[in-house]
Amino acid sequence: MPQLREPHALAMLHPWIDVGNVGTMLLSRLEGMFGARQLGRMARPGNFFDFTRYRPSIYYENGNRKLAVPNATVSYAQHQSGKDLLFLHLLEPHMLGEVYANSIVRLLQLFNVKSYFLVGSMYDIVPHTRPLLVTGGSATKQISEHLAKTGVQSSNYQGPTTITYLVTQKAAELGMESTSVIAHLPQYLPLEEDYSGLVKLMEVFSPIYDFSVDKRDVEKAESQRSETDLAVSRDPKLKAFVSQLETYYEERLKKQEDQKPRLSPTVEDFLKDIENRFRQN
């Protein structure tokens, strides 16, 4: 077992808050930067996951067929200077959710984790033509101030969530610094790998862990943006819709209760429908 010095734990949760695989890519980038090593995985993932929903897969290794079983995994990184890190690649459980959450909390306690970050992304009614919104929150003053400086807005969401939020709640109760950071992505732009979301979260965490955002990821984000701009310019209806979302976005940022976005009735109905779906799902 590695001896970690009050490590920070960064967790992503698939698929609940991992649209565009932003959380997955973020942890993978940080693991590569800091030379992370595999620590472990759940001994019996079938206790928690339905393998008709998370499908095992067949692969070849040295000419032999093997089975890869979906699982939650943990890795770690140590540094002579700086913060030690735990990386938690979590899957949303289908069964025994409280036991699953408690086992994660016990892992955090075992390594005397100082800070727990839940990171990821979700779809929202935002345009791709504006800076991505990032919401989050922390009970720790220092982290809250940093999040505010990087443009992270406080979240006032109420509604359905994941059972793994128990980890965030219990971590705070045990005296750990507990924080969530979620990027909001355009719901009309379902990308398998959303580099704009990745770059945005990398910018939030780069001052905390003292690293530079990879230029290749920035270039990929710019390329995706250019391709989307071109597609929108060729579709008059989509172009008009994005324009309405830009208005909604600007009004949303003003945070003025007496001012509401002046959208067309069609777009207003559409936005209400999307919001209802978010709350149901």
C-alpha atoms as a PDB file:
ATOM      1  CA  MET A   1       0.000   0.000   0.000  1.00  0.00           C
ATOM      2  CA  PRO A   2       1.458   3.384  -0.947  1.00  0.00           C
ATOM      3  CA  GLN A   3       2.042   5.900   1.840  1.00  0.00           C
ATOM      4  CA  LEU A   4       0.265   9.034   0.634  1.00  0.00           C
ATOM      5  CA  ARG A   5       0.501  12.447   2.275  1.00  0.00           C
ATOM      6  CA  GLU A   6      -3.015  13.820   2.833  1.00  0.00           C
ATOM      7  CA  PRO A   7      -3.856  13.191  -0.827  1.00  0.00           C
ATOM      8  CA  HIS A   8      -6.497  14.836  -2.932  1.00  0.00           C
ATOM      9  CA  ALA A   9      -8.975  12.418  -4.514  1.00  0.00           C
ATOM     10  CA  LEU A  10     -10.439  13.204  -7.934  1.00  0.00           C
ATOM     11  CA  ALA A  11     -13.457  11.136  -8.937  1.00  0.00           C
ATOM     12  CA  MET A  12     -15.423  10.878 -12.174  1.00  0.00           C
ATOM     13  CA  LEU A  13     -18.732   9.080 -12.539  1.00  0.00           C
ATOM     14  CA  HIS A  14     -19.825   7.375 -15.742  1.00  0.00           C
ATOM     15  CA  PRO A  15     -22.341   7.807 -17.293  1.00  0.00           C
ATOM     16  CA  TRP A  16     -24.278  10.155 -14.965  1.00  0.00           C
ATOM     17  CA  ILE A  17     -21.947  13.162 -15.240  1.00  0.00           C
ATOM     18  CA  ASP A  18     -19.561  12.092 -17.978  1.00  0.00           C
ATOM     19  CA  VAL A  19     -21.207  13.287 -21.190  1.00  0.00           C
ATOM     20  CA  GLY A  20     -18.627  13.757 -23.912  1.00  0.00           C
ATOM     21  CA  ASN A  21     -16.339  11.628 -21.706  1.00  0.00           C
ATOM     22  CA  VAL A  22     -15.024  14.842 -20.179  1.00  0.00           C
ATOM     23  CA  GLY A  23     -14.492  13.376 -16.698  1.00  0.00           C
ATOM     24  CA  THR A  24     -12.852  10.265 -18.135  1.00  0.00           C
ATOM     25  CA  MET A  25     -10.480  12.305 -20.293  1.00  0.00           C
ATOM     26  CA  LEU A  26      -9.641  14.721 -17.474  1.00  0.00           C
ATOM     27  CA  LEU A  27      -8.547  11.964 -15.108  1.00  0.00           C
ATOM     28  CA  SER A  28      -6.663  10.174 -17.885  1.00  0.00           C
ATOM     29  CA  ARG A  29      -4.735  13.346 -18.726  1.00  0.00           C
ATOM     30  CA  LEU A  30      -3.817  13.969 -15.089  1.00  0.00           C
ATOM     31  CA  GLU A  31      -2.827  10.334 -14.574  1.00  0.00           C
ATOM     32  CA  GLY A  32      -0.494  10.607 -17.558  1.00  0.00           C
ATOM     33  CA  MET A  33       0.990  13.927 -16.416  1.00  0.00           C
ATOM     34  CA  PHE A  34       1.712  12.742 -12.886  1.00  0.00           C
ATOM     35  CA  GLY A  35       2.771   9.177 -13.697  1.00  0.00           C
ATOM     36  CA  ALA A  36      -0.115   7.494 -11.871  1.00  0.00           C
ATOM     37  CA  ARG A  37       0.057   3.813 -10.968  1.00  0.00           C
ATOM     38  CA  GLN A  38      -2.830   1.377 -10.730  1.00  0.00           C
ATOM     39  CA  LEU A  39      -3.871   0.692  -7.139  1.00  0.00           C
ATOM     40  CA  GLY A  40      -6.893  -1.565  -7.359  1.00  0.00           C
ATOM     41  CA  ARG A  41     -10.407  -2.357  -8.470  1.00  0.00           C
ATOM     42  CA  MET A  42     -13.541  -3.839  -6.942  1.00  0.00           C
ATOM     43  CA  ALA A  43     -13.192  -7.549  -6.247  1.00  0.00           C
ATOM     44  CA  ARG A  44     -16.839  -8.306  -7.122  1.00  0.00           C
ATOM     45  CA  PRO A  45     -18.179  -5.605  -9.458  1.00  0.00           C
ATOM     46  CA  GLY A  46     -21.240  -7.771 -10.146  1.00  0.00           C
ATOM     47  CA  ASN A  47     -22.464  -6.888  -6.660  1.00  0.00           C
ATOM     48  CA  PHE A  48     -23.105  -3.362  -7.902  1.00  0.00           C
ATOM     49  CA  PHE A  49     -23.300  -3.333 -11.698  1.00  0.00           C
ATOM     50  CA  ASP A  50     -25.834  -4.868 -14.082  1.00  0.00           C
ATOM     51  CA  PHE A  51     -23.771  -6.455 -16.856  1.00  0.00           C
ATOM     52  CA  THR A  52     -26.710  -6.298 -19.271  1.00  0.00           C
ATOM     53  CA  ARG A  53     -26.333  -2.515 -19.055  1.00  0.00           C
ATOM     54  CA  TYR A  54     -22.551  -2.242 -18.708  1.00  0.00           C
ATOM     55  CA  ARG A  55     -21.537  -4.946 -21.180  1.00  0.00           C
ATOM     56  CA  PRO A  56     -18.349  -6.975 -20.685  1.00  0.00           C
ATOM     57  CA  SER A  57     -16.190  -7.100 -23.806  1.00  0.00           C
ATOM     58  CA  ILE A  58     -13.919  -9.646 -25.488  1.00  0.00           C
ATOM     59  CA  TYR A  59     -10.371  -8.706 -26.451  1.00  0.00           C
ATOM     60  CA  TYR A  60      -7.222 -10.484 -27.609  1.00  0.00           C
ATOM     61  CA  GLU A  61      -3.947 -10.567 -25.713  1.00  0.00           C
ATOM     62  CA  ASN A  62      -0.995 -12.513 -27.137  1.00  0.00           C
ATOM     63  CA  GLY A  63      -3.393 -14.430 -29.336  1.00  0.00           C
ATOM     64  CA  ASN A  64      -5.676 -15.422 -26.460  1.00  0.00           C
ATOM     65  CA  ARG A  65      -9.252 -14.249 -26.033  1.00  0.00           C
ATOM     66  CA  LYS A  66      -9.934 -12.561 -22.701  1.00  0.00           C
ATOM     67  CA  LEU A  67     -12.882 -10.947 -20.994  1.00  0.00           C
ATOM     68  CA  ALA A  68     -12.858  -7.351 -19.758  1.00  0.00           C
ATOM     69  CA  VAL A  69     -15.427  -6.832 -16.994  1.00  0.00           C
ATOM     70  CA  PRO A  70     -16.709  -3.280 -16.336  1.00  0.00           C
ATOM     71  CA  ASN A  71     -15.380  -2.121 -12.996  1.00  0.00           C
ATOM     72  CA  ALA A  72     -14.534   0.853 -10.814  1.00  0.00           C
ATOM     73  CA  THR A  73     -10.778   1.428 -10.609  1.00  0.00           C
ATOM     74  CA  VAL A  74      -8.381   3.477  -8.493  1.00  0.00           C
ATOM     75  CA  SER A  75      -4.896   4.761  -9.254  1.00  0.00           C
ATOM     76  CA  TYR A  76      -2.484   7.033  -7.384  1.00  0.00           C
ATOM     77  CA  ALA A  77       0.372   9.455  -7.974  1.00  0.00           C
ATOM     78  CA  GLN A  78       3.121  10.585  -5.581  1.00  0.00           C
ATOM     79  CA  HIS A  79       5.415  13.592  -5.850  1.00  0.00           C
ATOM     80  CA  GLN A  80       8.417  14.767  -3.893  1.00  0.00           C
ATOM     81  CA  SER A  81       6.910  18.227  -4.077  1.00  0.00           C
ATOM     82  CA  GLY A  82       3.252  18.999  -4.464  1.00  0.00           C
ATOM     83  CA  LYS A  83       0.127  17.036  -3.635  1.00  0.00           C
ATOM     84  CA  ASP A  84      -0.312  13.268  -3.722  1.00  0.00           C
ATOM     85  CA  LEU A  85      -3.349  12.207  -5.708  1.00  0.00           C
ATOM     86  CA  LEU A  86      -5.921   9.420  -5.900  1.00  0.00           C
ATOM     87  CA  PHE A  87      -7.894   8.965  -9.129  1.00  0.00           C
ATOM     88  CA  LEU A  88     -11.265   7.220  -8.885  1.00  0.00           C
ATOM     89  CA  HIS A  89     -12.889   6.000 -12.099  1.00  0.00           C
ATOM     90  CA  LEU A  90     -16.403   5.234 -10.878  1.00  0.00           C
ATOM     91  CA  LEU A  91     -19.435   3.688 -12.548  1.00  0.00           C
ATOM     92  CA  GLU A  92     -22.986   4.505 -11.511  1.00  0.00           C
ATOM     93  CA  PRO A  93     -24.189   1.514  -9.445  1.00  0.00           C
ATOM     94  CA  HIS A  94     -27.403  -0.339 -10.266  1.00  0.00           C
ATOM     95  CA  MET A  95     -27.623  -2.249  -6.967  1.00  0.00           C
ATOM     96  CA  LEU A  96     -26.545  -1.834  -3.334  1.00  0.00           C
ATOM     97  CA  GLY A  97     -25.841   1.840  -3.885  1.00  0.00           C
ATOM     98  CA  GLU A  98     -25.354   2.661  -0.197  1.00  0.00           C
ATOM     99  CA  VAL A  99     -22.816  -0.152   0.209  1.00  0.00           C
ATOM    100  CA  TYR A 100     -21.011   1.056  -2.912  1.00  0.00           C
ATOM    101  CA  ALA A 101     -20.839   4.637  -1.611  1.00  0.00           C
ATOM    102  CA  ASN A 102     -19.704   3.515   1.839  1.00  0.00           C
ATOM    103  CA  SER A 103     -16.894   1.430   0.349  1.00  0.00           C
ATOM    104  CA  ILE A 104     -15.619   4.521  -1.467  1.00  0.00           C
ATOM    105  CA  VAL A 105     -15.783   6.563   1.734  1.00  0.00           C
ATOM    106  CA  ARG A 106     -13.803   3.854   3.553  1.00  0.00           C
ATOM    107  CA  LEU A 107     -11.152   4.048   0.841  1.00  0.00           C
ATOM    108  CA  LEU A 108     -10.901   7.822   1.327  1.00  0.00           C
ATOM    109  CA  GLN A 109     -10.540   7.318   5.074  1.00  0.00           C
ATOM    110  CA  LEU A 110      -7.907   4.621   4.603  1.00  0.00           C
ATOM    111  CA  PHE A 111      -5.652   7.056   2.767  1.00  0.00           C
ATOM    112  CA  ASN A 112      -6.512  10.030   4.977  1.00  0.00           C
ATOM    113  CA  VAL A 113      -7.797  12.014   1.997  1.00  0.00           C
ATOM    114  CA  LYS A 114      -7.795  15.754   2.579  1.00  0.00           C
ATOM    115  CA  SER A 115      -9.873  16.891  -0.415  1.00  0.00           C
ATOM    116  CA  TYR A 116     -12.457  15.036  -2.501  1.00  0.00           C
ATOM    117  CA  PHE A 117     -13.344  16.399  -5.947  1.00  0.00           C
ATOM    118  CA  LEU A 118     -16.218  15.077  -8.041  1.00  0.00           C
ATOM    119  CA  VAL A 119     -15.612  16.210 -11.612  1.00  0.00           C
ATOM    120  CA  GLY A 120     -17.527  15.762 -14.846  1.00  0.00           C
ATOM    121  CA  SER A 121     -19.957  17.205 -17.354  1.00  0.00           C
ATOM    122  CA  MET A 122     -23.655  17.363 -18.156  1.00  0.00           C
ATOM    123  CA  TYR A 123     -25.822  18.591 -21.010  1.00  0.00           C
ATOM    124  CA  ASP A 124     -27.452  21.977 -20.658  1.00  0.00           C
ATOM    125  CA  ILE A 125     -29.341  24.539 -22.735  1.00  0.00           C
ATOM    126  CA  VAL A 126     -26.210  26.519 -23.657  1.00  0.00           C
ATOM    127  CA  PRO A 127     -24.761  27.575 -27.028  1.00  0.00           C
ATOM    128  CA  HIS A 128     -21.391  26.362 -28.285  1.00  0.00           C
ATOM    129  CA  THR A 129     -20.562  29.934 -29.305  1.00  0.00           C
ATOM    130  CA  ARG A 130     -20.082  31.159 -25.739  1.00  0.00           C
ATOM    131  CA  PRO A 131     -17.637  30.159 -22.991  1.00  0.00           C
ATOM    132  CA  LEU A 132     -18.768  26.951 -21.353  1.00  0.00           C
ATOM    133  CA  LEU A 133     -20.493  27.339 -18.037  1.00  0.00           C
ATOM    134  CA  VAL A 134     -18.967  25.475 -15.111  1.00  0.00           C
ATOM    135  CA  THR A 135     -20.824  25.057 -11.842  1.00  0.00           C
ATOM    136  CA  GLY A 136     -19.631  23.721  -8.541  1.00  0.00           C
ATOM    137  CA  GLY A 137     -19.287  24.334  -4.897  1.00  0.00           C
ATOM    138  CA  SER A 138     -17.123  23.778  -1.857  1.00  0.00           C
ATOM    139  CA  ALA A 139     -17.522  24.364   1.845  1.00  0.00           C
ATOM    140  CA  THR A 140     -13.833  25.287   1.992  1.00  0.00           C
ATOM    141  CA  LYS A 141     -13.166  29.014   1.715  1.00  0.00           C
ATOM    142  CA  GLN A 142      -9.844  28.705  -0.118  1.00  0.00           C
ATOM    143  CA  ILE A 143     -11.219  26.349  -2.757  1.00  0.00           C
ATOM    144  CA  SER A 144     -14.416  28.403  -3.120  1.00  0.00           C
ATOM    145  CA  GLU A 145     -12.341  31.525  -3.767  1.00  0.00           C
ATOM    146  CA  HIS A 146     -10.270  29.705  -6.373  1.00  0.00           C
ATOM    147  CA  LEU A 147     -13.375  28.384  -8.131  1.00  0.00           C
ATOM    148  CA  ALA A 148     -14.830  31.907  -8.202  1.00  0.00           C
ATOM    149  CA  LYS A 149     -11.611  33.297  -9.712  1.00  0.00           C
ATOM    150  CA  THR A 150     -11.746  30.733 -12.534  1.00  0.00           C
ATOM    151  CA  GLY A 151     -15.372  31.612 -13.304  1.00  0.00           C
ATOM    152  CA  VAL A 152     -17.020  28.595 -11.687  1.00  0.00           C
ATOM    153  CA  GLN A 153     -20.566  29.473 -10.670  1.00  0.00           C
ATOM    154  CA  SER A 154     -22.259  28.174  -7.556  1.00  0.00           C
ATOM    155  CA  SER A 155     -24.858  25.510  -8.248  1.00  0.00           C
ATOM    156  CA  ASN A 156     -28.438  25.838  -7.035  1.00  0.00           C
ATOM    157  CA  TYR A 157     -29.633  22.589  -8.626  1.00  0.00           C
ATOM    158  CA  GLN A 158     -32.372  20.644  -6.864  1.00  0.00           C
ATOM    159  CA  GLY A 159     -33.743  17.403  -8.244  1.00  0.00           C
ATOM    160  CA  PRO A 160     -32.766  13.824  -9.152  1.00  0.00           C
ATOM    161  CA  THR A 161     -29.137  12.916  -8.613  1.00  0.00           C
ATOM    162  CA  THR A 162     -26.830   9.938  -8.181  1.00  0.00           C
ATOM    163  CA  ILE A 163     -26.665   7.755  -5.073  1.00  0.00           C
ATOM    164  CA  THR A 164     -22.895   8.334  -5.100  1.00  0.00           C
ATOM    165  CA  TYR A 165     -23.583  11.874  -3.896  1.00  0.00           C
ATOM    166  CA  LEU A 166     -23.517  10.106  -0.525  1.00  0.00           C
ATOM    167  CA  VAL A 167     -19.730  10.047  -0.927  1.00  0.00           C
ATOM    168  CA  THR A 168     -19.610  13.838  -1.274  1.00  0.00           C
ATOM    169  CA  GLN A 169     -21.947  14.273   1.692  1.00  0.00           C
ATOM    170  CA  LYS A 170     -20.187  11.823   4.002  1.00  0.00           C
ATOM    171  CA  ALA A 171     -16.744  13.096   3.037  1.00  0.00           C
ATOM    172  CA  ALA A 172     -17.768  16.557   4.198  1.00  0.00           C
ATOM    173  CA  GLU A 173     -19.225  15.133   7.408  1.00  0.00           C
ATOM    174  CA  LEU A 174     -15.876  13.429   8.103  1.00  0.00           C
ATOM    175  CA  GLY A 175     -13.982  16.703   7.761  1.00  0.00           C
ATOM    176  CA  MET A 176     -12.721  16.291   4.197  1.00  0.00           C
ATOM    177  CA  GLU A 177     -12.814  19.222   1.814  1.00  0.00           C
ATOM    178  CA  SER A 178     -15.614  18.203  -0.540  1.00  0.00           C
ATOM    179  CA  THR A 179     -16.009  19.878  -3.937  1.00  0.00           C
ATOM    180  CA  SER A 180     -17.880  19.327  -7.197  1.00  0.00           C
ATOM    181  CA  VAL A 181     -16.937  20.841 -10.557  1.00  0.00           C
ATOM    182  CA  ILE A 182     -19.267  20.208 -13.502  1.00  0.00           C
ATOM    183  CA  ALA A 183     -18.935  21.559 -17.063  1.00  0.00           C
ATOM    184  CA  HIS A 184     -22.183  22.319 -18.919  1.00  0.00           C
ATOM    185  CA  LEU A 185     -22.147  21.229 -22.580  1.00  0.00           C
ATOM    186  CA  PRO A 186     -24.549  22.105 -25.447  1.00  0.00           C
ATOM    187  CA  GLN A 187     -27.295  19.473 -25.526  1.00  0.00           C
ATOM    188  CA  TYR A 188     -27.571  19.725 -29.330  1.00  0.00           C
ATOM    189  CA  LEU A 189     -23.891  18.768 -29.736  1.00  0.00           C
ATOM    190  CA  PRO A 190     -23.475  15.153 -28.531  1.00  0.00           C
ATOM    191  CA  LEU A 191     -19.762  14.491 -29.077  1.00  0.00           C
ATOM    192  CA  GLU A 192     -18.149  11.224 -28.077  1.00  0.00           C
ATOM    193  CA  GLU A 193     -15.142  13.197 -26.840  1.00  0.00           C
ATOM    194  CA  ASP A 194     -15.833  16.851 -26.080  1.00  0.00           C
ATOM    195  CA  TYR A 195     -12.482  18.645 -26.003  1.00  0.00           C
ATOM    196  CA  SER A 196     -13.973  22.035 -25.170  1.00  0.00           C
ATOM    197  CA  GLY A 197     -15.306  20.555 -21.937  1.00  0.00           C
ATOM    198  CA  LEU A 198     -11.958  18.905 -21.234  1.00  0.00           C
ATOM    199  CA  VAL A 199      -9.986  22.114 -21.786  1.00  0.00           C
ATOM    200  CA  LYS A 200     -12.388  24.086 -19.616  1.00  0.00           C
ATOM    201  CA  LEU A 201     -11.942  21.757 -16.645  1.00  0.00           C
ATOM    202  CA  MET A 202      -8.190  21.565 -17.211  1.00  0.00           C
ATOM    203  CA  GLU A 203      -8.110  25.360 -16.913  1.00  0.00           C
ATOM    204  CA  VAL A 204      -9.944  25.137 -13.586  1.00  0.00           C
ATOM    205  CA  PHE A 205      -7.527  22.577 -12.122  1.00  0.00           C
ATOM    206  CA  SER A 206      -4.236  23.758 -13.638  1.00  0.00           C
ATOM    207  CA  PRO A 207      -3.572  26.398 -10.921  1.00  0.00           C
ATOM    208  CA  ILE A 208      -4.360  23.884  -8.158  1.00  0.00           C
ATOM    209  CA  TYR A 209      -1.971  21.204  -9.385  1.00  0.00           C
ATOM    210  CA  ASP A 210       0.492  23.399 -11.274  1.00  0.00           C
ATOM    211  CA  PHE A 211       0.341  22.057 -14.821  1.00  0.00           C
ATOM    212  CA  SER A 212      -0.180  23.495 -18.291  1.00  0.00           C
ATOM    213  CA  VAL A 213      -3.080  22.650 -20.543  1.00  0.00           C
ATOM    214  CA  ASP A 214      -1.933  20.494 -23.457  1.00  0.00           C
ATOM    215  CA  LYS A 215      -1.910  22.540 -26.664  1.00  0.00           C
ATOM    216  CA  ARG A 216      -3.048  19.503 -28.616  1.00  0.00           C
ATOM    217  CA  ASP A 217      -6.262  19.387 -26.601  1.00  0.00           C
ATOM    218  CA  VAL A 218      -6.777  23.106 -27.220  1.00  0.00           C
ATOM    219  CA  GLU A 219      -6.291  22.581 -30.949  1.00  0.00           C
ATOM    220  CA  LYS A 220      -8.791  19.707 -30.963  1.00  0.00           C
ATOM    221  CA  ALA A 221     -11.306  21.887 -29.112  1.00  0.00           C
ATOM    222  CA  GLU A 222     -10.846  24.651 -31.682  1.00  0.00           C
ATOM    223  CA  SER A 223     -11.244  22.143 -34.516  1.00  0.00           C
ATOM    224  CA  GLN A 224     -14.507  20.820 -33.061  1.00  0.00           C
ATOM    225  CA  ARG A 225     -15.742  24.393 -32.648  1.00  0.00           C
ATOM    226  CA  SER A 226     -14.910  25.215 -36.292  1.00  0.00           C
ATOM    227  CA  GLU A 227     -16.678  22.091 -37.558  1.00  0.00           C
ATOM    228  CA  THR A 228     -19.750  22.957 -35.495  1.00  0.00           C
ATOM    229  CA  ASP A 229     -19.737  26.561 -36.743  1.00  0.00           C
ATOM    230  CA  LEU A 230     -19.707  25.272 -40.312  1.00  0.00           C
ATOM    231  CA  ALA A 231     -22.563  22.833 -39.681  1.00  0.00           C
ATOM    232  CA  VAL A 232     -24.660  25.554 -38.017  1.00  0.00           C
ATOM    233  CA  SER A 233     -24.044  28.015 -40.860  1.00  0.00           C
ATOM    234  CA  ARG A 234     -25.463  25.474 -43.323  1.00  0.00           C
ATOM    235  CA  ASP A 235     -28.665  24.902 -41.341  1.00  0.00           C
ATOM    236  CA  PRO A 236     -30.899  28.018 -41.073  1.00  0.00           C
ATOM    237  CA  LYS A 237     -33.139  26.483 -38.401  1.00  0.00           C
ATOM    238  CA  LEU A 238     -30.220  25.421 -36.240  1.00  0.00           C
ATOM    239  CA  LYS A 239     -28.580  28.811 -36.741  1.00  0.00           C
ATOM    240  CA  ALA A 240     -31.716  30.585 -35.519  1.00  0.00           C
ATOM    241  CA  PHE A 241     -31.957  28.211 -32.572  1.00  0.00           C
ATOM    242  CA  VAL A 242     -28.338  28.859 -31.538  1.00  0.00           C
ATOM    243  CA  SER A 243     -29.023  32.596 -31.753  1.00  0.00           C
ATOM    244  CA  GLN A 244     -31.925  32.193 -29.328  1.00  0.00           C
ATOM    245  CA  LEU A 245     -29.721  30.172 -26.983  1.00  0.00           C
ATOM    246  CA  GLU A 246     -27.155  32.976 -27.036  1.00  0.00           C
ATOM    247  CA  THR A 247     -29.837  35.376 -25.821  1.00  0.00           C
ATOM    248  CA  TYR A 248     -30.883  32.925 -23.124  1.00  0.00           C
ATOM    249  CA  TYR A 249     -27.224  32.458 -22.113  1.00  0.00           C
ATOM    250  CA  GLU A 250     -26.601  36.202 -21.720  1.00  0.00           C
ATOM    251  CA  GLU A 251     -29.745  36.697 -19.671  1.00  0.00           C
ATOM    252  CA  ARG A 252     -28.900  33.703 -17.539  1.00  0.00           C
ATOM    253  CA  LEU A 253     -25.533  35.186 -16.650  1.00  0.00           C
ATOM    254  CA  LYS A 254     -27.138  38.384 -15.444  1.00  0.00           C
ATOM    255  CA  LYS A 255     -28.852  36.459 -12.661  1.00  0.00           C
ATOM    256  CA  GLN A 256     -31.598  39.018 -12.437  1.00  0.00           C
ATOM    257  CA  GLU A 257     -34.892  37.531 -11.334  1.00  0.00           C
ATOM    258  CA  ASP A 258     -36.907  40.369 -12.801  1.00  0.00           C
ATOM    259  CA  GLN A 259     -35.404  39.904 -16.255  1.00  0.00           C
ATOM    260  CA  LYS A 260     -36.133  36.807 -18.288  1.00  0.00           C
ATOM    261  CA  PRO A 261     -34.919  35.804 -21.739  1.00  0.00           C
ATOM    262  CA  ARG A 262     -37.180  37.001 -24.506  1.00  0.00           C
ATOM    263  CA  LEU A 263     -37.374  33.887 -26.604  1.00  0.00           C
ATOM    264  CA  SER A 264     -39.798  32.867 -29.271  1.00  0.00           C
ATOM    265  CA  PRO A 265     -42.703  30.709 -28.014  1.00  0.00           C
ATOM    266  CA  THR A 266     -41.346  27.729 -29.956  1.00  0.00           C
ATOM    267  CA  VAL A 267     -37.924  27.944 -28.324  1.00  0.00           C
ATOM    268  CA  GLU A 268     -39.435  28.591 -24.886  1.00  0.00           C
ATOM    269  CA  ASP A 269     -41.529  25.429 -25.200  1.00  0.00           C
ATOM    270  CA  PHE A 270     -38.466  23.510 -26.338  1.00  0.00           C
ATOM    271  CA  LEU A 271     -36.378  24.755 -23.401  1.00  0.00           C
ATOM    272  CA  LYS A 272     -39.109  23.842 -20.937  1.00  0.00           C
ATOM    273  CA  ASP A 273     -39.268  20.359 -22.442  1.00  0.00           C
ATOM    274  CA  ILE A 274     -35.483  19.964 -22.147  1.00  0.00           C
ATOM    275  CA  GLU A 275     -35.506  21.187 -18.537  1.00  0.00           C
ATOM    276  CA  ASN A 276     -38.250  18.694 -17.664  1.00  0.00           C
ATOM    277  CA  ARG A 277     -36.232  15.878 -19.208  1.00  0.00           C
ATOM    278  CA  PHE A 278     -33.155  16.893 -17.212  1.00  0.00           C
ATOM    279  CA  ARG A 279     -35.105  16.699 -13.982  1.00  0.00           C
ATOM    280  CA  GLN A 280     -36.691  13.363 -14.904  1.00  0.00           C
ATOM    281  CA  ASN A 281     -33.362  11.788 -15.921  1.00  0.00           C
END
